[in-house]
């Protein structure tokens, strides 16, 4: 229980991955945050064709 209380009484430090709007909102609240501009790899038509072929 002591570790949990220590966690909730400590300063927030956040790594935001993906949506930049979350990063901006946290910055406006003066929370220490860094932003990682990440998005999943796009799915190619070949990938979709392969997935459909496996379904049939």
PDB file of N, CA and C in Angstrom:
ATOM      1  N   UNK A   1       0.825  -1.185   0.000  1.00  0.00           N
ATOM      2  CA  UNK A   1       0.000   0.000   0.000  1.00  0.00           C
ATOM      3  C   UNK A   1       0.876   1.257   0.000  1.00  0.00           C
ATOM      4  N   UNK A   2       1.996   1.168   0.654  1.00  0.00           N
ATOM      5  CA  UNK A   2       2.899   2.317   0.745  1.00  0.00           C
ATOM      6  C   UNK A   2       3.433   2.729  -0.635  1.00  0.00           C
ATOM      7  N   UNK A   3       3.737   1.735  -1.488  1.00  0.00           N
ATOM      8  CA  UNK A   3       4.222   2.025  -2.839  1.00  0.00           C
ATOM      9  C   UNK A   3       3.149   2.719  -3.673  1.00  0.00           C
ATOM     10  N   UNK A   4       1.919   2.314  -3.501  1.00  0.00           N
ATOM     11  CA  UNK A   4       0.809   2.936  -4.239  1.00  0.00           C
ATOM     12  C   UNK A   4       0.645   4.386  -3.816  1.00  0.00           C
ATOM     13  N   UNK A   5       0.688   4.654  -2.525  1.00  0.00           N
ATOM     14  CA  UNK A   5       0.567   6.027  -2.040  1.00  0.00           C
ATOM     15  C   UNK A   5       1.722   6.890  -2.540  1.00  0.00           C
ATOM     16  N   UNK A   6       2.909   6.323  -2.563  1.00  0.00           N
ATOM     17  CA  UNK A   6       4.071   7.055  -3.064  1.00  0.00           C
ATOM     18  C   UNK A   6       3.875   7.402  -4.550  1.00  0.00           C
ATOM     19  N   UNK A   7       3.353   6.461  -5.311  1.00  0.00           N
ATOM     20  CA  UNK A   7       3.099   6.691  -6.734  1.00  0.00           C
ATOM     21  C   UNK A   7       2.111   7.829  -6.942  1.00  0.00           C
ATOM     22  N   UNK A   8       1.018   7.828  -6.218  1.00  0.00           N
ATOM     23  CA  UNK A   8      -0.005   8.852  -6.394  1.00  0.00           C
ATOM     24  C   UNK A   8       0.408  10.222  -5.854  1.00  0.00           C
ATOM     25  N   UNK A   9       1.416  10.258  -5.005  1.00  0.00           N
ATOM     26  CA  UNK A   9       1.906  11.528  -4.487  1.00  0.00           C
ATOM     27  C   UNK A   9       3.092  12.064  -5.287  1.00  0.00           C
ATOM     28  N   UNK A  10       3.529  11.317  -6.297  1.00  0.00           N
ATOM     29  CA  UNK A  10       4.680  11.756  -7.092  1.00  0.00           C
ATOM     30  C   UNK A  10       4.231  12.545  -8.324  1.00  0.00           C
ATOM     31  N   UNK A  11       5.169  13.270  -8.900  1.00  0.00           N
ATOM     32  CA  UNK A  11       4.890  14.078 -10.079  1.00  0.00           C
ATOM     33  C   UNK A  11       4.677  13.177 -11.302  1.00  0.00           C
ATOM     34  N   UNK A  12       3.675  13.513 -12.118  1.00  0.00           N
ATOM     35  CA  UNK A  12       3.409  12.741 -13.336  1.00  0.00           C
ATOM     36  C   UNK A  12       4.474  13.030 -14.389  1.00  0.00           C
ATOM     37  N   UNK A  13       4.918  11.984 -15.061  1.00  0.00           N
ATOM     38  CA  UNK A  13       5.824  12.083 -16.203  1.00  0.00           C
ATOM     39  C   UNK A  13       5.273  11.102 -17.231  1.00  0.00           C
ATOM     40  N   UNK A  14       4.846  11.626 -18.383  1.00  0.00           N
ATOM     41  CA  UNK A  14       4.096  10.815 -19.328  1.00  0.00           C
ATOM     42  C   UNK A  14       4.789  10.755 -20.681  1.00  0.00           C
ATOM     43  N   UNK A  15       4.742   9.582 -21.308  1.00  0.00           N
ATOM     44  CA  UNK A  15       5.152   9.406 -22.697  1.00  0.00           C
ATOM     45  C   UNK A  15       3.879   9.166 -23.491  1.00  0.00           C
ATOM     46  N   UNK A  16       3.588  10.060 -24.398  1.00  0.00           N
ATOM     47  CA  UNK A  16       2.399   9.941 -25.238  1.00  0.00           C
ATOM     48  C   UNK A  16       2.807   9.345 -26.583  1.00  0.00           C
ATOM     49  N   UNK A  17       2.130   8.286 -26.981  1.00  0.00           N
ATOM     50  CA  UNK A  17       2.435   7.625 -28.246  1.00  0.00           C
ATOM     51  C   UNK A  17       1.206   7.697 -29.135  1.00  0.00           C
ATOM     52  N   UNK A  18       1.341   8.383 -30.257  1.00  0.00           N
ATOM     53  CA  UNK A  18       0.243   8.407 -31.222  1.00  0.00           C
ATOM     54  C   UNK A  18      -0.431   9.751 -31.347  1.00  0.00           C
ATOM     55  N   UNK A  19      -1.611   9.884 -30.774  1.00  0.00           N
ATOM     56  CA  UNK A  19      -2.440  11.064 -30.998  1.00  0.00           C
ATOM     57  C   UNK A  19      -1.860  12.306 -30.318  1.00  0.00           C
ATOM     58  N   UNK A  20      -1.503  13.283 -31.125  1.00  0.00           N
ATOM     59  CA  UNK A  20      -0.870  14.486 -30.615  1.00  0.00           C
ATOM     60  C   UNK A  20      -1.814  15.332 -29.771  1.00  0.00           C
ATOM     61  N   UNK A  21      -3.110  15.206 -29.970  1.00  0.00           N
ATOM     62  CA  UNK A  21      -4.075  16.003 -29.194  1.00  0.00           C
ATOM     63  C   UNK A  21      -3.949  15.705 -27.691  1.00  0.00           C
ATOM     64  N   UNK A  22      -3.661  14.462 -27.338  1.00  0.00           N
ATOM     65  CA  UNK A  22      -3.464  14.120 -25.927  1.00  0.00           C
ATOM     66  C   UNK A  22      -2.228  14.838 -25.379  1.00  0.00           C
ATOM     67  N   UNK A  23      -1.175  14.853 -26.178  1.00  0.00           N
ATOM     68  CA  UNK A  23       0.057  15.531 -25.790  1.00  0.00           C
ATOM     69  C   UNK A  23      -0.199  17.014 -25.528  1.00  0.00           C
ATOM     70  N   UNK A  24      -0.893  17.670 -26.455  1.00  0.00           N
ATOM     71  CA  UNK A  24      -1.167  19.101 -26.300  1.00  0.00           C
ATOM     72  C   UNK A  24      -2.017  19.383 -25.062  1.00  0.00           C
ATOM     73  N   UNK A  25      -3.015  18.552 -24.811  1.00  0.00           N
ATOM     74  CA  UNK A  25      -3.856  18.743 -23.621  1.00  0.00           C
ATOM     75  C   UNK A  25      -3.042  18.614 -22.333  1.00  0.00           C
ATOM     76  N   UNK A  26      -2.153  17.640 -22.291  1.00  0.00           N
ATOM     77  CA  UNK A  26      -1.315  17.468 -21.102  1.00  0.00           C
ATOM     78  C   UNK A  26      -0.366  18.651 -20.925  1.00  0.00           C
ATOM     79  N   UNK A  27       0.215  19.135 -22.032  1.00  0.00           N
ATOM     80  CA  UNK A  27       1.096  20.302 -21.960  1.00  0.00           C
ATOM     81  C   UNK A  27       0.355  21.520 -21.417  1.00  0.00           C
ATOM     82  N   UNK A  28      -0.889  21.704 -21.834  1.00  0.00           N
ATOM     83  CA  UNK A  28      -1.678  22.831 -21.345  1.00  0.00           C
ATOM     84  C   UNK A  28      -1.896  22.751 -19.838  1.00  0.00           C
ATOM     85  N   UNK A  29      -1.910  21.527 -19.309  1.00  0.00           N
ATOM     86  CA  UNK A  29      -2.085  21.331 -17.869  1.00  0.00           C
ATOM     87  C   UNK A  29      -0.749  21.358 -17.127  1.00  0.00           C
ATOM     88  N   UNK A  30       0.314  21.696 -17.847  1.00  0.00           N
ATOM     89  CA  UNK A  30       1.668  21.793 -17.287  1.00  0.00           C
ATOM     90  C   UNK A  30       2.170  20.460 -16.714  1.00  0.00           C
ATOM     91  N   UNK A  31       1.818  19.381 -17.376  1.00  0.00           N
ATOM     92  CA  UNK A  31       2.280  18.053 -16.993  1.00  0.00           C
ATOM     93  C   UNK A  31       3.496  17.707 -17.847  1.00  0.00           C
ATOM     94  N   UNK A  32       4.515  17.124 -17.228  1.00  0.00           N
ATOM     95  CA  UNK A  32       5.704  16.728 -17.984  1.00  0.00           C
ATOM     96  C   UNK A  32       5.336  15.588 -18.930  1.00  0.00           C
ATOM     97  N   UNK A  33       5.492  15.856 -20.230  1.00  0.00           N
ATOM     98  CA  UNK A  33       5.097  14.867 -21.229  1.00  0.00           C
ATOM     99  C   UNK A  33       6.001  14.998 -22.451  1.00  0.00           C
ATOM    100  N   UNK A  34       6.308  13.860 -23.063  1.00  0.00           N
ATOM    101  CA  UNK A  34       6.976  13.872 -24.359  1.00  0.00           C
ATOM    102  C   UNK A  34       6.061  13.145 -25.339  1.00  0.00           C
ATOM    103  N   UNK A  35       6.203  13.509 -26.597  1.00  0.00           N
ATOM    104  CA  UNK A  35       5.339  12.930 -27.627  1.00  0.00           C
ATOM    105  C   UNK A  35       6.163  12.110 -28.600  1.00  0.00           C
ATOM    106  N   UNK A  36       5.715  10.903 -28.892  1.00  0.00           N
ATOM    107  CA  UNK A  36       6.325  10.039 -29.899  1.00  0.00           C
ATOM    108  C   UNK A  36       5.347   9.964 -31.058  1.00  0.00           C
ATOM    109  N   UNK A  37       5.774  10.466 -32.206  1.00  0.00           N
ATOM    110  CA  UNK A  37       4.917  10.467 -33.383  1.00  0.00           C
ATOM    111  C   UNK A  37       4.954   9.076 -34.014  1.00  0.00           C
ATOM    112  N   UNK A  38       3.983   8.254 -33.690  1.00  0.00           N
ATOM    113  CA  UNK A  38       3.944   6.872 -34.145  1.00  0.00           C
ATOM    114  C   UNK A  38       2.580   6.564 -34.718  1.00  0.00           C
ATOM    115  N   UNK A  39       2.577   5.736 -35.738  1.00  0.00           N
ATOM    116  CA  UNK A  39       1.335   5.193 -36.258  1.00  0.00           C
ATOM    117  C   UNK A  39       1.637   3.811 -36.825  1.00  0.00           C
ATOM    118  N   UNK A  40       0.648   2.920 -36.817  1.00  0.00           N
ATOM    119  CA  UNK A  40       0.900   1.572 -37.324  1.00  0.00           C
ATOM    120  C   UNK A  40       1.220   1.604 -38.815  1.00  0.00           C
ATOM    121  N   UNK A  41       1.939   0.602 -39.254  1.00  0.00           N
ATOM    122  CA  UNK A  41       2.251   0.495 -40.677  1.00  0.00           C
ATOM    123  C   UNK A  41       0.966   0.361 -41.479  1.00  0.00           C
ATOM    124  N   UNK A  42       0.920   0.988 -42.650  1.00  0.00           N
ATOM    125  CA  UNK A  42      -0.299   0.868 -43.459  1.00  0.00           C
ATOM    126  C   UNK A  42      -0.455  -0.556 -43.986  1.00  0.00           C
ATOM    127  N   UNK A  43      -1.685  -0.968 -44.126  1.00  0.00           N
ATOM    128  CA  UNK A  43      -1.978  -2.289 -44.683  1.00  0.00           C
ATOM    129  C   UNK A  43      -1.995  -2.142 -46.196  1.00  0.00           C
ATOM    130  N   UNK A  44      -1.250  -2.990 -46.859  1.00  0.00           N
ATOM    131  CA  UNK A  44      -1.203  -2.915 -48.320  1.00  0.00           C
ATOM    132  C   UNK A  44      -2.294  -3.794 -48.916  1.00  0.00           C
ATOM    133  N   UNK A  45      -2.584  -3.561 -50.163  1.00  0.00           N
ATOM    134  CA  UNK A  45      -3.580  -4.391 -50.852  1.00  0.00           C
ATOM    135  C   UNK A  45      -3.133  -5.837 -50.859  1.00  0.00           C
ATOM    136  N   UNK A  46      -1.828  -6.064 -50.976  1.00  0.00           N
ATOM    137  CA  UNK A  46      -1.297  -7.432 -50.967  1.00  0.00           C
ATOM    138  C   UNK A  46      -1.618  -8.096 -49.633  1.00  0.00           C
ATOM    139  N   UNK A  47      -1.451  -7.363 -48.537  1.00  0.00           N
ATOM    140  CA  UNK A  47      -1.773  -7.918 -47.218  1.00  0.00           C
ATOM    141  C   UNK A  47      -3.251  -8.293 -47.137  1.00  0.00           C
ATOM    142  N   UNK A  48      -4.113  -7.418 -47.666  1.00  0.00           N
ATOM    143  CA  UNK A  48      -5.550  -7.699 -47.643  1.00  0.00           C
ATOM    144  C   UNK A  48      -5.892  -8.906 -48.505  1.00  0.00           C
ATOM    145  N   UNK A  49      -5.263  -8.992 -49.669  1.00  0.00           N
ATOM    146  CA  UNK A  49      -5.494 -10.145 -50.547  1.00  0.00           C
ATOM    147  C   UNK A  49      -5.078 -11.441 -49.859  1.00  0.00           C
ATOM    148  N   UNK A  50      -3.937 -11.418 -49.211  1.00  0.00           N
ATOM    149  CA  UNK A  50      -3.455 -12.613 -48.504  1.00  0.00           C
ATOM    150  C   UNK A  50      -4.418 -13.003 -47.377  1.00  0.00           C
ATOM    151  N   UNK A  51      -4.902 -12.011 -46.621  1.00  0.00           N
ATOM    152  CA  UNK A  51      -5.843 -12.287 -45.527  1.00  0.00           C
ATOM    153  C   UNK A  51      -7.135 -12.882 -46.070  1.00  0.00           C
ATOM    154  N   UNK A  52      -7.641 -12.328 -47.138  1.00  0.00           N
ATOM    155  CA  UNK A  52      -8.879 -12.865 -47.737  1.00  0.00           C
ATOM    156  C   UNK A  52      -8.682 -14.269 -48.262  1.00  0.00           C
ATOM    157  N   UNK A  53      -7.522 -14.521 -48.854  1.00  0.00           N
ATOM    158  CA  UNK A  53      -7.220 -15.859 -49.383  1.00  0.00           C
ATOM    159  C   UNK A  53      -7.187 -16.879 -48.243  1.00  0.00           C
ATOM    160  N   UNK A  54      -6.671 -16.497 -47.082  1.00  0.00           N
ATOM    161  CA  UNK A  54      -6.614 -17.425 -45.945  1.00  0.00           C
ATOM    162  C   UNK A  54      -8.007 -17.709 -45.385  1.00  0.00           C
ATOM    163  N   UNK A  55      -8.933 -16.769 -45.558  1.00  0.00           N
ATOM    164  CA  UNK A  55     -10.299 -16.963 -45.058  1.00  0.00           C
ATOM    165  C   UNK A  55     -11.111 -17.927 -45.904  1.00  0.00           C
ATOM    166  N   UNK A  56     -10.756 -18.050 -47.179  1.00  0.00           N
ATOM    167  CA  UNK A  56     -11.549 -18.923 -48.075  1.00  0.00           C
ATOM    168  C   UNK A  56     -10.958 -20.301 -48.193  1.00  0.00           C
TER     169      UNK A  56
END
